[in-house]
Amino acid sequence: SYFMKGALEGYSFRVPWFVKKLFGNYFKNKILKSRRMKRGVYTPQNPLPASNLDEAEVVTDFLHLLDRFDKHPGEYQESPFFGKMSRDECRALNLIHCNHHLAFLLPRG
């Protein structure tokens, strides 16, 4: 939810411009090409939810956010990591990011 809301409303943090310039396009293109995000990558903010949230409420809120994201007209906000992206790139990166986190719900065997 954190990054999807940021794409709609703007982000509450920035990364140094030179980090975005040096690495942004490389990692954006790598993620888009592989359709995967690497586990355990450090991010400069702390987007983890509190431990005492109501699961049903969080799921409902997320589904509303997905609908809002899907119906958003025009371009999304500039990414603090990747800079300005096309609408398709932003949508693809957010879907890949969702898949990355939702995959943690699958049992490992």
C-alpha atoms as a PDB file:
ATOM      1  CA  SER A   1       0.000   0.000   0.000  1.00  0.00           C
ATOM      2  CA  TYR A   2       2.792   2.408   0.924  1.00  0.00           C
ATOM      3  CA  PHE A   3       4.307   2.702  -2.559  1.00  0.00           C
ATOM      4  CA  MET A   4       0.999   2.511  -4.386  1.00  0.00           C
ATOM      5  CA  LYS A   5      -0.324   5.425  -2.294  1.00  0.00           C
ATOM      6  CA  GLY A   6       2.881   7.295  -3.055  1.00  0.00           C
ATOM      7  CA  ALA A   7       2.305   6.870  -6.777  1.00  0.00           C
ATOM      8  CA  LEU A   8      -1.126   8.465  -6.308  1.00  0.00           C
ATOM      9  CA  GLU A   9      -0.437  11.126  -3.669  1.00  0.00           C
ATOM     10  CA  GLY A  10       3.324  11.689  -3.702  1.00  0.00           C
ATOM     11  CA  TYR A  11       6.033  10.195  -1.517  1.00  0.00           C
ATOM     12  CA  SER A  12       7.056  11.361   1.945  1.00  0.00           C
ATOM     13  CA  PHE A  13      10.780  10.793   1.341  1.00  0.00           C
ATOM     14  CA  ARG A  14      13.475  11.355  -1.265  1.00  0.00           C
ATOM     15  CA  VAL A  15      16.685   9.584  -2.146  1.00  0.00           C
ATOM     16  CA  PRO A  16      19.793  11.570  -3.094  1.00  0.00           C
ATOM     17  CA  TRP A  17      19.555  12.726  -6.711  1.00  0.00           C
ATOM     18  CA  PHE A  18      22.828  11.033  -7.658  1.00  0.00           C
ATOM     19  CA  VAL A  19      21.567   7.639  -6.411  1.00  0.00           C
ATOM     20  CA  LYS A  20      18.473   7.968  -8.576  1.00  0.00           C
ATOM     21  CA  LYS A  21      20.566   9.166 -11.533  1.00  0.00           C
ATOM     22  CA  LEU A  22      23.229   6.452 -11.222  1.00  0.00           C
ATOM     23  CA  PHE A  23      21.049   3.455 -10.341  1.00  0.00           C
ATOM     24  CA  GLY A  24      17.372   4.304 -10.990  1.00  0.00           C
ATOM     25  CA  ASN A  25      17.074   3.347 -14.653  1.00  0.00           C
ATOM     26  CA  TYR A  26      19.317   0.311 -14.241  1.00  0.00           C
ATOM     27  CA  PHE A  27      17.221  -1.220 -11.458  1.00  0.00           C
ATOM     28  CA  LYS A  28      13.904  -0.151 -12.994  1.00  0.00           C
ATOM     29  CA  ASN A  29      14.800  -1.860 -16.281  1.00  0.00           C
ATOM     30  CA  LYS A  30      16.156  -4.931 -14.484  1.00  0.00           C
ATOM     31  CA  ILE A  31      12.924  -5.343 -12.496  1.00  0.00           C
ATOM     32  CA  LEU A  32      10.721  -4.761 -15.543  1.00  0.00           C
ATOM     33  CA  LYS A  33      12.709  -7.243 -17.632  1.00  0.00           C
ATOM     34  CA  SER A  34      12.886 -10.006 -15.003  1.00  0.00           C
ATOM     35  CA  ARG A  35       9.382  -9.271 -13.589  1.00  0.00           C
ATOM     36  CA  ARG A  36      10.887  -9.870 -10.113  1.00  0.00           C
ATOM     37  CA  MET A  37      12.204  -7.950  -7.135  1.00  0.00           C
ATOM     38  CA  LYS A  38      15.098  -9.210  -5.073  1.00  0.00           C
ATOM     39  CA  ARG A  39      14.405 -10.167  -1.449  1.00  0.00           C
ATOM     40  CA  GLY A  40      15.994  -8.281   1.410  1.00  0.00           C
ATOM     41  CA  VAL A  41      16.762  -5.043  -0.434  1.00  0.00           C
ATOM     42  CA  TYR A  42      17.166  -2.075   1.922  1.00  0.00           C
ATOM     43  CA  THR A  43      14.849   0.891   1.444  1.00  0.00           C
ATOM     44  CA  PRO A  44      15.405   4.213   3.253  1.00  0.00           C
ATOM     45  CA  GLN A  45      11.959   4.425   4.819  1.00  0.00           C
ATOM     46  CA  ASN A  46      10.062   2.098   7.127  1.00  0.00           C
ATOM     47  CA  PRO A  47       6.831   1.126   5.339  1.00  0.00           C
ATOM     48  CA  LEU A  48       6.060  -1.888   7.520  1.00  0.00           C
ATOM     49  CA  PRO A  49       2.599  -1.880   9.105  1.00  0.00           C
ATOM     50  CA  ALA A  50       1.967  -1.942  12.829  1.00  0.00           C
ATOM     51  CA  SER A  51       1.570  -5.416  14.325  1.00  0.00           C
ATOM     52  CA  ASN A  52      -1.863  -4.766  15.867  1.00  0.00           C
ATOM     53  CA  LEU A  53      -3.866  -4.039  12.692  1.00  0.00           C
ATOM     54  CA  ASP A  54      -7.214  -5.620  11.894  1.00  0.00           C
ATOM     55  CA  GLU A  55      -6.493  -8.019   9.014  1.00  0.00           C
ATOM     56  CA  ALA A  56      -9.949  -7.765   7.417  1.00  0.00           C
ATOM     57  CA  GLU A  57      -9.811  -3.973   7.509  1.00  0.00           C
ATOM     58  CA  VAL A  58      -6.309  -3.916   5.984  1.00  0.00           C
ATOM     59  CA  VAL A  59      -7.401  -6.232   3.151  1.00  0.00           C
ATOM     60  CA  THR A  60     -10.503  -4.111   2.474  1.00  0.00           C
ATOM     61  CA  ASP A  61      -8.419  -0.917   2.456  1.00  0.00           C
ATOM     62  CA  PHE A  62      -5.909  -2.515   0.076  1.00  0.00           C
ATOM     63  CA  LEU A  63      -8.643  -3.623  -2.320  1.00  0.00           C
ATOM     64  CA  HIS A  64     -10.010  -0.058  -2.360  1.00  0.00           C
ATOM     65  CA  LEU A  65      -6.510   1.257  -3.013  1.00  0.00           C
ATOM     66  CA  LEU A  66      -6.064  -1.190  -5.922  1.00  0.00           C
ATOM     67  CA  ASP A  67      -9.314   0.057  -7.433  1.00  0.00           C
ATOM     68  CA  ARG A  68      -8.288   3.689  -6.935  1.00  0.00           C
ATOM     69  CA  PHE A  69      -4.862   2.998  -8.457  1.00  0.00           C
ATOM     70  CA  ASP A  70      -6.418   1.201 -11.428  1.00  0.00           C
ATOM     71  CA  LYS A  71      -8.890   4.016 -12.125  1.00  0.00           C
ATOM     72  CA  HIS A  72      -6.399   6.849 -11.640  1.00  0.00           C
ATOM     73  CA  PRO A  73      -6.507   9.155 -14.668  1.00  0.00           C
ATOM     74  CA  GLY A  74      -3.290  10.434 -16.141  1.00  0.00           C
ATOM     75  CA  GLU A  75       0.245  10.007 -14.913  1.00  0.00           C
ATOM     76  CA  TYR A  76       1.390   8.844 -11.506  1.00  0.00           C
ATOM     77  CA  GLN A  77       3.721  10.747  -9.155  1.00  0.00           C
ATOM     78  CA  GLU A  78       7.464  10.636  -9.765  1.00  0.00           C
ATOM     79  CA  SER A  79       9.165   7.725  -8.018  1.00  0.00           C
ATOM     80  CA  PRO A  80      11.794   8.605  -5.415  1.00  0.00           C
ATOM     81  CA  PHE A  81      13.903   5.690  -6.720  1.00  0.00           C
ATOM     82  CA  PHE A  82      13.215   5.604 -10.458  1.00  0.00           C
ATOM     83  CA  GLY A  83      12.217   9.188 -11.263  1.00  0.00           C
ATOM     84  CA  LYS A  84       9.536   9.976 -13.827  1.00  0.00           C
ATOM     85  CA  MET A  85       8.032   6.866 -15.359  1.00  0.00           C
ATOM     86  CA  SER A  86       5.398   6.189 -17.936  1.00  0.00           C
ATOM     87  CA  ARG A  87       1.988   5.122 -16.738  1.00  0.00           C
ATOM     88  CA  ASP A  88       2.656   1.566 -17.954  1.00  0.00           C
ATOM     89  CA  GLU A  89       6.023   1.383 -16.171  1.00  0.00           C
ATOM     90  CA  CYS A  90       4.519   2.594 -12.900  1.00  0.00           C
ATOM     91  CA  ARG A  91       1.650   0.128 -13.106  1.00  0.00           C
ATOM     92  CA  ALA A  92       3.981  -2.754 -13.973  1.00  0.00           C
ATOM     93  CA  LEU A  93       6.406  -1.935 -11.139  1.00  0.00           C
ATOM     94  CA  ASN A  94       3.572  -1.723  -8.616  1.00  0.00           C
ATOM     95  CA  LEU A  95       2.133  -5.058  -9.761  1.00  0.00           C
ATOM     96  CA  ILE A  96       5.579  -6.676  -9.558  1.00  0.00           C
ATOM     97  CA  HIS A  97       6.006  -5.176  -6.085  1.00  0.00           C
ATOM     98  CA  CYS A  98       2.602  -6.532  -4.983  1.00  0.00           C
ATOM     99  CA  ASN A  99       3.510  -9.951  -6.337  1.00  0.00           C
ATOM    100  CA  HIS A 100       6.828  -9.779  -4.460  1.00  0.00           C
ATOM    101  CA  HIS A 101       5.078  -9.270  -1.112  1.00  0.00           C
ATOM    102  CA  LEU A 102       2.079 -11.502  -1.717  1.00  0.00           C
ATOM    103  CA  ALA A 103       4.449 -14.349  -2.606  1.00  0.00           C
ATOM    104  CA  PHE A 104       5.478 -14.402   1.073  1.00  0.00           C
ATOM    105  CA  LEU A 105       2.003 -15.781   1.820  1.00  0.00           C
ATOM    106  CA  LEU A 106       2.722 -18.946  -0.185  1.00  0.00           C
ATOM    107  CA  PRO A 107       3.937 -21.938   1.819  1.00  0.00           C
ATOM    108  CA  ARG A 108       7.541 -22.866   1.118  1.00  0.00           C
ATOM    109  CA  GLY A 109       8.392 -26.463   0.686  1.00  0.00           C
END
